[in-house]
Protein backbone atom coordinates (compact mmCIF):
# COMPACT_ATOMS: atom_id res chain seq x y z
CA MET A 1 -37.21 39.29 99.26
CA GLN A 2 -38.91 39.99 96.01
CA LEU A 3 -37.68 43.52 96.30
CA TRP A 4 -34.13 42.28 96.58
CA ILE A 5 -34.57 40.05 93.59
CA LEU A 6 -36.07 42.97 91.66
CA ILE A 7 -33.16 45.22 92.67
CA ALA A 8 -30.62 42.54 91.69
CA ILE A 9 -32.26 42.01 88.32
CA THR A 10 -32.40 45.80 87.77
CA LEU A 11 -28.73 46.16 88.67
CA ALA A 12 -27.89 43.27 86.35
CA GLU A 13 -29.84 44.97 83.57
CA ILE A 14 -28.03 48.27 84.21
CA VAL A 15 -24.66 46.48 84.10
CA LEU A 16 -25.66 44.71 80.91
CA PHE A 17 -26.86 48.02 79.42
CA ALA A 18 -23.53 49.67 80.34
CA MET A 19 -21.65 46.78 78.77
CA LEU A 20 -23.84 47.06 75.68
CA LEU A 21 -23.10 50.81 75.40
CA ARG A 22 -19.37 50.16 75.79
CA PHE A 23 -19.52 47.41 73.13
CA PHE A 24 -21.27 49.75 70.65
CA SER A 25 -18.82 52.59 71.31
CA ARG A 26 -15.93 50.24 70.61
CA LEU A 27 -17.75 49.00 67.53
CA ARG A 28 -18.03 52.61 66.27
CA LYS A 29 -14.34 53.19 66.91
CA SER A 30 -13.52 50.00 65.01
CA GLU A 31 -15.74 51.07 62.12
CA ALA A 32 -14.04 54.50 62.03
CA LEU A 33 -10.63 52.82 62.05
CA LEU A 34 -11.66 50.43 59.28
CA PHE A 35 -12.99 53.34 57.22
CA LYS A 36 -9.73 55.23 57.74
CA LEU A 37 -7.71 52.15 56.75
CA SER A 38 -9.90 51.69 53.68
CA GLU A 39 -9.28 55.30 52.65
CA GLY A 40 -5.54 54.81 53.20
CA GLN A 41 -5.61 51.65 51.13
CA GLN A 42 -7.48 53.43 48.34
CA SER A 43 -4.93 56.26 48.42
CA LEU A 44 -2.11 53.73 48.26
CA MET A 45 -3.76 51.94 45.32
CA ASP A 46 -4.15 55.28 43.49
CA LYS A 47 -0.48 56.04 44.05
CA LEU A 48 0.50 52.56 42.86
CA ARG A 49 -1.57 53.03 39.70
CA ALA A 50 0.04 56.43 39.08
CA ASN A 51 3.50 54.92 39.59
CA ALA A 52 2.70 52.04 37.25
CA GLU A 53 1.52 54.54 34.63
CA LEU A 54 4.71 56.57 35.03
CA GLU A 55 6.82 53.43 34.74
CA ARG A 56 4.95 52.39 31.59
CA ASP A 57 5.47 55.85 30.06
CA LEU A 58 9.13 55.75 31.03
CA MET A 59 9.59 52.34 29.41
CA GLN A 60 7.86 53.53 26.23
CA SER A 61 10.05 56.62 26.02
CA PHE A 62 13.11 54.47 26.74
CA THR A 63 12.15 52.14 23.89
CA VAL A 64 11.70 55.09 21.54
CA ARG A 65 15.03 56.60 22.59
CA GLN A 66 16.74 53.22 22.25
CA ALA A 67 15.44 52.85 18.69
CA SER A 68 16.54 56.41 17.93
CA LEU A 69 20.01 55.73 19.30
CA GLN A 70 20.29 52.54 17.25
CA SER A 71 19.32 54.50 14.14
CA LEU A 72 21.88 57.19 14.94
CA ASN A 73 24.52 54.54 15.56
CA ALA A 74 23.82 52.95 12.17
CA SER A 75 24.07 56.39 10.52
CA LEU A 76 27.35 57.07 12.32
CA GLU A 77 28.74 53.71 11.22
CA GLU A 78 27.84 54.48 7.60
CA ARG A 79 29.34 57.94 7.88
CA SER A 80 32.48 56.51 9.46
CA ALA A 81 32.89 54.03 6.62
CA GLU A 82 32.43 56.81 4.05
CA LEU A 83 34.98 59.02 5.80
CA GLN A 84 37.42 56.13 6.09
CA ALA A 85 37.11 55.50 2.34
CA LEU A 86 37.66 59.20 1.62
CA LEU A 87 40.68 59.23 3.92
CA GLU A 88 42.18 56.25 2.14
CA GLN A 89 41.52 57.91 -1.20
CA ALA A 90 43.19 61.12 0.03
CA ARG A 91 46.22 59.17 1.26
CA ALA A 92 46.50 57.43 -2.08
CA MET A 93 46.29 60.74 -3.93
CA SER A 94 48.81 62.41 -1.66
CA ARG A 95 51.29 59.64 -2.37
CA SER A 96 50.87 59.79 -6.14
CA PRO A 97 54.00 60.99 -7.97
CA GLN A 98 52.08 63.64 -9.92
CA PHE A 99 50.62 65.15 -6.73
CA LEU A 100 54.00 65.14 -4.97
CA ARG A 101 55.56 66.82 -8.01
CA GLU A 102 52.90 69.55 -7.96
CA VAL A 103 53.33 70.09 -4.21
CA ILE A 104 57.10 70.39 -4.54
CA VAL A 105 56.99 72.73 -7.56
CA SER A 106 54.29 74.97 -6.06
CA GLY A 107 56.13 75.02 -2.71
CA LYS A 108 59.34 76.12 -4.40
CA ARG A 109 57.42 78.91 -6.16
CA LYS A 110 56.16 80.05 -2.77
CA GLY A 111 59.71 80.29 -1.51
CA ARG A 112 60.03 77.16 0.59
CA SER A 113 63.42 75.53 0.80
CA SER A 114 64.18 72.06 -0.54
CA ALA A 115 64.67 70.76 3.03
CA GLN A 116 61.22 72.04 4.05
CA LEU A 117 59.65 70.46 0.98
CA ALA A 118 61.43 67.14 1.66
CA LYS A 119 60.14 67.13 5.23
CA ALA A 120 56.57 68.03 4.16
CA THR A 121 56.37 65.36 1.46
CA GLY A 122 58.34 62.63 3.24
CA LEU A 123 60.84 62.38 0.39
CA SER A 124 64.61 62.64 0.64
CA LEU A 125 66.37 65.91 -0.15
CA ASP A 126 67.93 64.35 -3.26
CA GLU A 127 64.51 63.27 -4.58
CA VAL A 128 63.09 66.77 -4.05
CA GLU A 129 66.01 68.37 -5.86
CA LEU A 130 65.70 65.85 -8.71
CA ILE A 131 61.98 66.70 -9.12
CA LEU A 132 62.79 70.45 -9.06
CA ALA A 133 65.53 69.95 -11.65
CA GLN A 134 63.13 68.03 -13.93
CA ALA A 135 60.50 70.77 -13.53
CA LYS A 136 62.86 73.44 -14.90
């Protein structure tokens, strides 16, 4: 009977040892999986840092470009105002009687007809002929 008890205890110890080996093998697999997950998490964190750095650089360059565009817009507005003033000045000069007289007289010297000169200056044919008659 003691032999049977000894055999039963030995078998129980063998079963417990087998269970212990299986537990440790699963523990190693779990540790390997945790290590792999930790590496993946570290890789993800590195990528997130790189993306955050790229986004920060992009925002800085956007800010610089935005300021540059605002400066260019201000310059264009100034230039537009200057050109508008010059255009108004040119219109005023082109409508002055002295300028129209010079255009008509010089056009007649170049061989243009009175009708062509009237059309070019916006004056009537009678006004062009009157200016030409006064020029002679």
